Amino acid sequence: MKLAGFLFISMWVSSCVTQGREFPSRFDWIQKNKTRQEDAKLVLGDPKFVGSNDGQPSWTYGFYKYRLFGESHTKELKLYWNPDRTVNTWSYTSSFPGDVQGVSAPQPKAASDVSR
């Protein structure tokens, strides 16, 4: 009986796998053409992935929480760099509930606002 309980708890505990490093979902520190790669490393550490988008260097920071039972959640911050090692542009995606609730969806225009 104790063995069955131990196995059940072991399976339950191992049903969640995380990858990457948790990072804050605030990005007011990122400024286009000003924030440098050194600043990103100071705030976030080393990127999870490095790559290129049409020849433009990119860094990806990711935190992935996978569950066997229940919802899995992910978030990624992608930074695209200028040749002078400053941020050209960036993007952020998340499925974590706290992040999703903080983003407002565009509201549909009222019929009176639509011009014909």
N, C-alpha and C. Protein backbone atom coordinates (compact mmCIF):
# COMPACT_ATOMS: atom_id res chain seq x y z
N MET A 1 0.83 -1.19 0.00
CA MET A 1 0.00 0.00 0.00
C MET A 1 0.87 1.26 0.00
N LYS A 2 1.94 1.25 0.82
CA LYS A 2 2.83 2.40 0.87
C LYS A 2 3.53 2.60 -0.47
N LEU A 3 3.89 1.50 -1.11
CA LEU A 3 4.55 1.57 -2.41
C LEU A 3 3.63 2.20 -3.45
N ALA A 4 2.36 1.83 -3.44
CA ALA A 4 1.39 2.40 -4.38
C ALA A 4 1.25 3.89 -4.15
N GLY A 5 1.19 4.31 -2.90
CA GLY A 5 1.10 5.74 -2.58
C GLY A 5 2.33 6.49 -3.04
N PHE A 6 3.50 5.91 -2.80
CA PHE A 6 4.76 6.52 -3.23
C PHE A 6 4.80 6.67 -4.75
N LEU A 7 4.39 5.63 -5.47
CA LEU A 7 4.38 5.68 -6.94
C LEU A 7 3.41 6.74 -7.44
N PHE A 8 2.24 6.82 -6.83
CA PHE A 8 1.25 7.82 -7.24
C PHE A 8 1.80 9.24 -7.05
N ILE A 9 2.38 9.49 -5.88
CA ILE A 9 2.94 10.82 -5.61
C ILE A 9 4.09 11.11 -6.55
N SER A 10 4.93 10.15 -6.83
CA SER A 10 6.06 10.33 -7.76
C SER A 10 5.57 10.68 -9.16
N MET A 11 4.55 9.99 -9.61
CA MET A 11 3.99 10.28 -10.94
C MET A 11 3.37 11.67 -10.97
N TRP A 12 2.68 12.03 -9.90
CA TRP A 12 2.01 13.34 -9.84
C TRP A 12 3.04 14.46 -9.84
N VAL A 13 4.08 14.32 -9.04
CA VAL A 13 5.13 15.34 -8.96
C VAL A 13 5.85 15.47 -10.29
N SER A 14 6.11 14.36 -10.96
CA SER A 14 6.87 14.39 -12.21
C SER A 14 6.00 14.75 -13.42
N SER A 15 4.74 15.04 -13.21
CA SER A 15 3.87 15.37 -14.35
C SER A 15 4.03 16.82 -14.80
N CYS A 16 4.95 17.55 -14.21
CA CYS A 16 5.20 18.93 -14.60
C CYS A 16 6.69 19.08 -14.92
N VAL A 17 6.98 19.62 -16.09
CA VAL A 17 8.36 19.84 -16.51
C VAL A 17 8.51 21.30 -16.89
N THR A 18 9.56 21.94 -16.39
CA THR A 18 9.83 23.33 -16.78
C THR A 18 11.15 23.39 -17.52
N GLN A 19 11.21 24.34 -18.44
CA GLN A 19 12.44 24.61 -19.19
C GLN A 19 12.63 26.11 -19.22
N GLY A 20 13.87 26.52 -19.28
CA GLY A 20 14.18 27.94 -19.32
C GLY A 20 14.18 28.53 -17.92
N ARG A 21 14.37 29.83 -17.87
CA ARG A 21 14.43 30.54 -16.61
C ARG A 21 13.27 31.53 -16.57
N GLU A 22 12.57 31.56 -15.44
CA GLU A 22 11.47 32.52 -15.25
C GLU A 22 12.04 33.93 -15.39
N PHE A 23 11.28 34.82 -16.02
CA PHE A 23 11.70 36.21 -16.14
C PHE A 23 10.47 37.10 -15.98
N PRO A 24 10.68 38.35 -15.56
CA PRO A 24 9.54 39.24 -15.33
C PRO A 24 8.83 39.60 -16.64
N SER A 25 7.54 39.84 -16.53
CA SER A 25 6.73 40.20 -17.71
C SER A 25 6.55 41.70 -17.82
N ARG A 26 7.56 42.46 -17.44
CA ARG A 26 7.59 43.92 -17.58
C ARG A 26 8.72 44.27 -18.53
N PHE A 27 8.42 45.15 -19.46
CA PHE A 27 9.43 45.46 -20.48
C PHE A 27 9.63 46.96 -20.68
N ASP A 28 9.29 47.74 -19.67
CA ASP A 28 9.47 49.19 -19.78
C ASP A 28 10.94 49.59 -19.85
N TRP A 29 11.84 48.68 -19.55
CA TRP A 29 13.27 48.94 -19.62
C TRP A 29 13.82 48.81 -21.04
N ILE A 30 13.04 48.21 -21.94
CA ILE A 30 13.49 48.03 -23.33
C ILE A 30 13.13 49.28 -24.14
N GLN A 31 14.14 49.91 -24.69
CA GLN A 31 13.94 51.11 -25.52
C GLN A 31 14.60 50.90 -26.87
N LYS A 32 13.81 51.08 -27.90
CA LYS A 32 14.30 50.90 -29.27
C LYS A 32 15.49 51.81 -29.53
N ASN A 33 16.53 51.25 -30.13
CA ASN A 33 17.77 51.95 -30.50
C ASN A 33 18.57 52.47 -29.30
N LYS A 34 18.19 52.07 -28.08
CA LYS A 34 18.93 52.50 -26.88
C LYS A 34 19.38 51.33 -26.03
N THR A 35 18.50 50.37 -25.78
CA THR A 35 18.85 49.23 -24.93
C THR A 35 19.88 48.37 -25.64
N ARG A 36 20.98 48.09 -24.94
CA ARG A 36 22.09 47.35 -25.53
C ARG A 36 22.03 45.88 -25.11
N GLN A 37 22.76 45.05 -25.83
CA GLN A 37 22.82 43.63 -25.51
C GLN A 37 23.30 43.41 -24.07
N GLU A 38 24.24 44.21 -23.62
CA GLU A 38 24.75 44.09 -22.26
C GLU A 38 23.64 44.35 -21.25
N ASP A 39 22.74 45.29 -21.55
CA ASP A 39 21.61 45.59 -20.66
C ASP A 39 20.69 44.37 -20.57
N ALA A 40 20.41 43.75 -21.70
CA ALA A 40 19.54 42.57 -21.72
C ALA A 40 20.16 41.44 -20.89
N LYS A 41 21.46 41.23 -21.04
CA LYS A 41 22.12 40.18 -20.26
C LYS A 41 22.11 40.50 -18.78
N LEU A 42 22.22 41.77 -18.43
CA LEU A 42 22.20 42.16 -17.03
C LEU A 42 20.82 41.87 -16.41
N VAL A 43 19.76 42.16 -17.14
CA VAL A 43 18.40 41.96 -16.64
C VAL A 43 17.96 40.50 -16.74
N LEU A 44 18.27 39.84 -17.86
CA LEU A 44 17.70 38.52 -18.15
C LEU A 44 18.69 37.35 -18.14
N GLY A 45 19.96 37.65 -18.15
CA GLY A 45 20.96 36.59 -18.26
C GLY A 45 21.19 36.22 -19.71
N ASP A 46 21.79 35.07 -19.93
CA ASP A 46 22.05 34.62 -21.29
C ASP A 46 20.75 34.16 -21.95
N PRO A 47 20.61 34.40 -23.26
CA PRO A 47 19.39 33.96 -23.95
C PRO A 47 19.31 32.44 -24.04
N LYS A 48 18.09 31.94 -24.14
CA LYS A 48 17.87 30.50 -24.32
C LYS A 48 18.26 30.08 -25.73
N PHE A 49 17.92 30.93 -26.71
CA PHE A 49 18.24 30.66 -28.11
C PHE A 49 18.81 31.93 -28.74
N VAL A 50 19.71 31.76 -29.69
CA VAL A 50 20.18 32.86 -30.53
C VAL A 50 19.89 32.46 -31.97
N GLY A 51 19.63 33.46 -32.80
CA GLY A 51 19.31 33.13 -34.18
C GLY A 51 19.39 34.35 -35.06
N SER A 52 18.71 34.27 -36.18
CA SER A 52 18.73 35.34 -37.16
C SER A 52 17.38 35.37 -37.85
N ASN A 53 16.88 36.56 -38.09
CA ASN A 53 15.64 36.75 -38.82
C ASN A 53 15.96 37.63 -40.03
N ASP A 54 16.06 37.01 -41.19
CA ASP A 54 16.41 37.72 -42.42
C ASP A 54 17.72 38.47 -42.26
N GLY A 55 18.69 37.81 -41.61
CA GLY A 55 20.01 38.39 -41.42
C GLY A 55 20.16 39.26 -40.18
N GLN A 56 19.06 39.52 -39.49
CA GLN A 56 19.10 40.35 -38.28
C GLN A 56 19.26 39.44 -37.06
N PRO A 57 20.33 39.64 -36.26
CA PRO A 57 20.53 38.79 -35.09
C PRO A 57 19.36 38.88 -34.12
N SER A 58 19.03 37.74 -33.50
CA SER A 58 17.94 37.72 -32.53
C SER A 58 18.31 36.87 -31.33
N TRP A 59 17.76 37.23 -30.19
CA TRP A 59 17.90 36.46 -28.96
C TRP A 59 16.50 36.11 -28.49
N THR A 60 16.33 34.91 -27.99
CA THR A 60 15.04 34.49 -27.44
C THR A 60 15.23 34.04 -26.00
N TYR A 61 14.40 34.62 -25.13
CA TYR A 61 14.32 34.21 -23.74
C TYR A 61 13.00 33.46 -23.60
N GLY A 62 13.04 32.28 -23.05
CA GLY A 62 11.83 31.49 -22.94
C GLY A 62 11.68 30.82 -21.59
N PHE A 63 10.44 30.70 -21.17
CA PHE A 63 10.10 29.95 -19.98
C PHE A 63 8.91 29.07 -20.34
N TYR A 64 9.09 27.77 -20.19
CA TYR A 64 8.10 26.80 -20.65
C TYR A 64 7.74 25.88 -19.49
N LYS A 65 6.45 25.80 -19.19
CA LYS A 65 5.98 24.95 -18.10
C LYS A 65 4.97 23.96 -18.69
N TYR A 66 5.42 22.73 -18.86
CA TYR A 66 4.60 21.70 -19.49
C TYR A 66 4.01 20.80 -18.40
N ARG A 67 2.74 20.49 -18.53
CA ARG A 67 2.07 19.61 -17.59
C ARG A 67 1.46 18.43 -18.33
N LEU A 68 1.58 17.27 -17.73
CA LEU A 68 0.93 16.09 -18.27
C LEU A 68 -0.58 16.19 -18.06
N PHE A 69 -0.96 16.70 -16.90
CA PHE A 69 -2.37 16.91 -16.57
C PHE A 69 -2.58 18.40 -16.34
N GLY A 70 -3.59 18.99 -16.94
CA GLY A 70 -3.84 20.41 -16.80
C GLY A 70 -3.20 21.20 -17.92
N GLU A 71 -3.27 22.50 -17.78
CA GLU A 71 -2.78 23.39 -18.84
C GLU A 71 -1.27 23.59 -18.76
N SER A 72 -0.64 23.62 -19.90
CA SER A 72 0.77 24.00 -20.02
C SER A 72 0.81 25.49 -20.35
N HIS A 73 1.89 26.13 -19.96
CA HIS A 73 2.03 27.57 -20.24
C HIS A 73 3.43 27.87 -20.74
N THR A 74 3.53 28.84 -21.63
CA THR A 74 4.82 29.27 -22.15
C THR A 74 4.85 30.78 -22.26
N LYS A 75 6.06 31.31 -22.23
CA LYS A 75 6.25 32.73 -22.57
C LYS A 75 7.61 32.90 -23.20
N GLU A 76 7.65 33.80 -24.18
CA GLU A 76 8.89 34.06 -24.91
C GLU A 76 9.04 35.56 -25.16
N LEU A 77 10.26 36.03 -24.98
CA LEU A 77 10.64 37.39 -25.33
C LEU A 77 11.70 37.26 -26.42
N LYS A 78 11.46 37.91 -27.55
CA LYS A 78 12.43 37.90 -28.65
C LYS A 78 12.93 39.31 -28.87
N LEU A 79 14.25 39.45 -28.87
CA LEU A 79 14.90 40.73 -29.11
C LEU A 79 15.63 40.66 -30.44
N TYR A 80 15.42 41.66 -31.28
CA TYR A 80 16.06 41.74 -32.60
C TYR A 80 17.03 42.91 -32.55
N TRP A 81 18.28 42.66 -32.99
CA TRP A 81 19.37 43.60 -32.75
C TRP A 81 19.78 44.37 -34.00
N ASN A 82 20.10 45.64 -33.78
CA ASN A 82 20.73 46.49 -34.80
C ASN A 82 22.21 46.10 -34.90
N PRO A 83 22.90 46.52 -35.98
CA PRO A 83 24.34 46.26 -36.08
C PRO A 83 25.15 46.85 -34.92
N ASP A 84 24.66 47.94 -34.30
CA ASP A 84 25.39 48.55 -33.18
C ASP A 84 25.06 47.90 -31.84
N ARG A 85 24.39 46.73 -31.86
CA ARG A 85 24.06 45.94 -30.68
C ARG A 85 23.02 46.59 -29.78
N THR A 86 22.16 47.43 -30.37
CA THR A 86 21.02 47.98 -29.64
C THR A 86 19.75 47.31 -30.18
N VAL A 87 18.68 47.38 -29.39
CA VAL A 87 17.42 46.74 -29.78
C VAL A 87 16.83 47.45 -30.99
N ASN A 88 16.55 46.70 -32.04
CA ASN A 88 15.83 47.22 -33.19
C ASN A 88 14.34 47.11 -32.93
N THR A 89 13.90 45.93 -32.54
CA THR A 89 12.51 45.68 -32.19
C THR A 89 12.45 44.46 -31.29
N TRP A 90 11.28 44.20 -30.70
CA TRP A 90 11.14 43.05 -29.84
C TRP A 90 9.69 42.58 -29.87
N SER A 91 9.49 41.32 -29.46
CA SER A 91 8.13 40.79 -29.36
C SER A 91 8.04 39.91 -28.12
N TYR A 92 6.82 39.81 -27.60
CA TYR A 92 6.58 39.02 -26.40
C TYR A 92 5.28 38.26 -26.58
N THR A 93 5.30 36.97 -26.24
CA THR A 93 4.09 36.16 -26.25
C THR A 93 4.05 35.36 -24.94
N SER A 94 2.83 35.16 -24.43
CA SER A 94 2.67 34.42 -23.19
C SER A 94 1.29 33.77 -23.14
N SER A 95 1.23 32.61 -22.52
CA SER A 95 -0.05 31.98 -22.25
C SER A 95 -0.29 31.86 -20.74
N PHE A 96 0.59 32.44 -19.92
CA PHE A 96 0.40 32.42 -18.48
C PHE A 96 -0.79 33.29 -18.11
N PRO A 97 -1.68 32.82 -17.24
CA PRO A 97 -2.91 33.55 -16.93
C PRO A 97 -2.69 35.00 -16.51
N GLY A 98 -1.72 35.28 -15.66
CA GLY A 98 -1.48 36.65 -15.22
C GLY A 98 -1.09 37.57 -16.37
N ASP A 99 -0.37 37.05 -17.35
CA ASP A 99 0.04 37.85 -18.50
C ASP A 99 -1.13 38.05 -19.46
N VAL A 100 -1.91 36.99 -19.67
CA VAL A 100 -3.03 37.06 -20.60
C VAL A 100 -4.06 38.07 -20.10
N GLN A 101 -4.31 38.10 -18.80
CA GLN A 101 -5.29 39.02 -18.24
C GLN A 101 -4.82 40.46 -18.35
N GLY A 102 -3.52 40.69 -18.39
CA GLY A 102 -2.99 42.05 -18.47
C GLY A 102 -3.04 42.66 -19.85
N VAL A 103 -3.37 41.87 -20.86
CA VAL A 103 -3.42 42.36 -22.24
C VAL A 103 -4.87 42.51 -22.65
N SER A 104 -5.22 43.69 -23.13
CA SER A 104 -6.61 43.87 -23.55
C SER A 104 -6.73 43.64 -25.04
N ALA A 105 -7.76 42.93 -25.40
CA ALA A 105 -8.02 42.66 -26.82
C ALA A 105 -8.60 43.90 -27.47
N PRO A 106 -8.33 44.11 -28.76
CA PRO A 106 -8.92 45.25 -29.45
C PRO A 106 -10.44 45.14 -29.42
N GLN A 107 -11.08 46.26 -29.18
CA GLN A 107 -12.53 46.29 -29.14
C GLN A 107 -13.09 46.52 -30.54
N PRO A 108 -14.17 45.79 -30.88
CA PRO A 108 -14.75 46.02 -32.21
C PRO A 108 -15.35 47.41 -32.29
N LYS A 109 -15.30 47.98 -33.48
CA LYS A 109 -15.87 49.32 -33.69
C LYS A 109 -17.37 49.22 -33.72
N ALA A 110 -17.98 50.25 -33.18
CA ALA A 110 -19.45 50.33 -33.22
C ALA A 110 -19.86 50.59 -34.65
N ALA A 111 -21.07 50.19 -34.99
CA ALA A 111 -21.57 50.37 -36.36
C ALA A 111 -21.55 51.84 -36.76
N SER A 112 -21.76 52.75 -35.82
CA SER A 112 -21.76 54.18 -36.15
C SER A 112 -20.37 54.71 -36.45
N ASP A 113 -19.31 53.97 -36.01
CA ASP A 113 -17.94 54.39 -36.26
C ASP A 113 -17.41 53.94 -37.62
N VAL A 114 -18.09 53.00 -38.25
CA VAL A 114 -17.64 52.45 -39.51
C VAL A 114 -18.13 53.33 -40.65
N SER A 115 -17.20 53.84 -41.46
CA SER A 115 -17.62 54.67 -42.61
C SER A 115 -17.88 53.78 -43.80
N ARG A 116 -18.79 54.22 -44.60
CA ARG A 116 -19.13 53.44 -45.80
C ARG A 116 -18.55 54.03 -47.02
